[in-house]
Amino acid sequence: MKAPIRHGGLYLADLNPRQGTEPGKDHPSTWVLPCTTRLTGENLLRVPLPRGMAGNAVECEVMIDQSRSIDNRRFRRPLGLLPRPVLSEIKLKLKLLADL
């Protein structure tokens, strides 16, 4: 993917296996919060993302506790931008999880 990675963007990315600059010192890489379709229900570690809200084809959850840095070559295509209320909830839960 050649376009710049946008803050609050939802992207399709290949996360397996680990490759490239992960977790090394070289860049370009981007810190991401993966999504899952294995729904557990809203809690401190998850933020629901209803189907179609940011270009996602199915209902999913953002996994707050599974953040990682990935090589930018893993990004396949942009899906859309997260709605402001969802992004705000993600940021709040990140702060709570990190005890900031």
Protein backbone atom coordinates (compact mmCIF):
# COMPACT_ATOMS: atom_id res chain seq x y z
CA MET A 1 0.00 0.00 0.00
CA LYS A 2 1.52 3.30 -1.08
CA ALA A 3 -0.80 5.84 0.57
CA PRO A 4 0.20 7.13 4.02
CA ILE A 5 -1.26 5.36 7.04
CA ARG A 6 -3.86 7.62 8.68
CA HIS A 7 -4.51 8.02 12.40
CA GLY A 8 -7.89 6.44 13.16
CA GLY A 9 -7.92 4.51 9.91
CA LEU A 10 -9.21 0.96 9.56
CA TYR A 11 -7.05 -1.16 7.26
CA LEU A 12 -6.96 -4.69 5.98
CA ALA A 13 -3.54 -6.11 6.91
CA ASP A 14 -1.81 -9.49 6.93
CA LEU A 15 -0.57 -10.12 10.50
CA ASN A 16 0.96 -13.60 10.07
CA PRO A 17 3.81 -14.44 10.34
CA ARG A 18 6.07 -11.81 11.95
CA GLN A 19 8.32 -10.21 9.32
CA GLY A 20 10.49 -7.29 8.26
CA THR A 21 11.09 -4.53 10.79
CA GLU A 22 9.04 -6.18 13.54
CA PRO A 23 9.94 -5.43 16.28
CA GLY A 24 13.36 -4.10 15.25
CA LYS A 25 14.69 -0.57 15.15
CA ASP A 26 14.31 -0.11 11.40
CA HIS A 27 11.25 1.60 9.99
CA PRO A 28 8.76 2.05 8.35
CA SER A 29 6.37 0.46 10.78
CA THR A 30 3.10 1.48 12.40
CA TRP A 31 1.62 0.77 15.84
CA VAL A 32 -1.77 -0.93 15.39
CA LEU A 33 -4.70 -2.29 17.38
CA PRO A 34 -6.01 -5.40 15.59
CA CYS A 35 -9.70 -6.24 15.23
CA THR A 36 -11.36 -9.61 15.65
CA THR A 37 -14.67 -11.14 14.63
CA ARG A 38 -14.59 -13.39 17.71
CA LEU A 39 -16.83 -11.18 19.79
CA THR A 40 -16.55 -11.24 23.59
CA GLY A 41 -18.72 -8.27 24.46
CA GLU A 42 -17.73 -4.79 25.48
CA ASN A 43 -15.21 -4.58 28.32
CA LEU A 44 -11.98 -2.72 29.13
CA LEU A 45 -10.07 -4.72 26.53
CA ARG A 46 -12.50 -4.42 23.60
CA VAL A 47 -14.33 -1.71 21.67
CA PRO A 48 -17.22 -2.82 19.45
CA LEU A 49 -17.19 -1.81 15.79
CA PRO A 50 -20.58 -2.51 14.18
CA ARG A 51 -20.64 -3.76 10.60
CA GLY A 52 -20.19 -1.04 8.00
CA MET A 53 -19.26 1.67 10.52
CA ALA A 54 -15.74 2.18 9.09
CA GLY A 55 -15.88 0.13 5.92
CA ASN A 56 -15.74 -3.20 7.77
CA ALA A 57 -17.89 -5.91 6.15
CA VAL A 58 -18.68 -7.70 9.43
CA GLU A 59 -19.18 -6.77 13.07
CA CYS A 60 -15.88 -6.84 14.95
CA GLU A 61 -14.12 -5.63 18.08
CA VAL A 62 -10.95 -3.58 18.41
CA MET A 63 -8.57 -5.46 20.74
CA ILE A 64 -7.09 -2.83 23.06
CA ASP A 65 -4.72 -5.29 24.77
CA GLN A 66 -3.25 -6.72 21.54
CA SER A 67 -1.43 -3.65 20.24
CA ARG A 68 1.73 -4.20 18.24
CA SER A 69 3.99 -2.59 15.71
CA ILE A 70 3.78 -3.99 12.19
CA ASP A 71 5.83 -3.45 9.06
CA ASN A 72 3.97 -1.10 6.68
CA ARG A 73 4.27 -3.70 3.89
CA ARG A 74 1.57 -5.71 5.70
CA PHE A 75 -1.15 -3.16 4.90
CA ARG A 76 -3.28 -4.35 1.99
CA ARG A 77 -5.91 -1.65 1.59
CA PRO A 78 -7.75 1.04 3.57
CA LEU A 79 -11.32 0.27 4.62
CA GLY A 80 -12.33 3.63 6.10
CA LEU A 81 -11.94 5.92 9.09
CA LEU A 82 -13.18 5.10 12.58
CA PRO A 83 -16.05 7.32 13.72
CA ARG A 84 -14.96 9.91 16.27
CA PRO A 85 -16.93 8.33 19.19
CA VAL A 86 -15.30 4.92 18.55
CA LEU A 87 -11.81 6.46 18.32
CA SER A 88 -12.46 8.41 21.55
CA GLU A 89 -13.51 5.20 23.35
CA ILE A 90 -10.39 3.42 22.09
CA LYS A 91 -8.15 6.22 23.37
CA LEU A 92 -9.89 6.27 26.75
CA LYS A 93 -9.51 2.50 27.18
CA LEU A 94 -5.85 2.67 26.15
CA LYS A 95 -5.28 5.26 28.89
CA LEU A 96 -7.15 3.17 31.46
CA LEU A 97 -5.30 -0.01 30.50
CA ALA A 98 -1.94 1.74 30.72
CA ASP A 99 -2.98 3.47 33.96
CA LEU A 100 -2.19 6.91 32.50
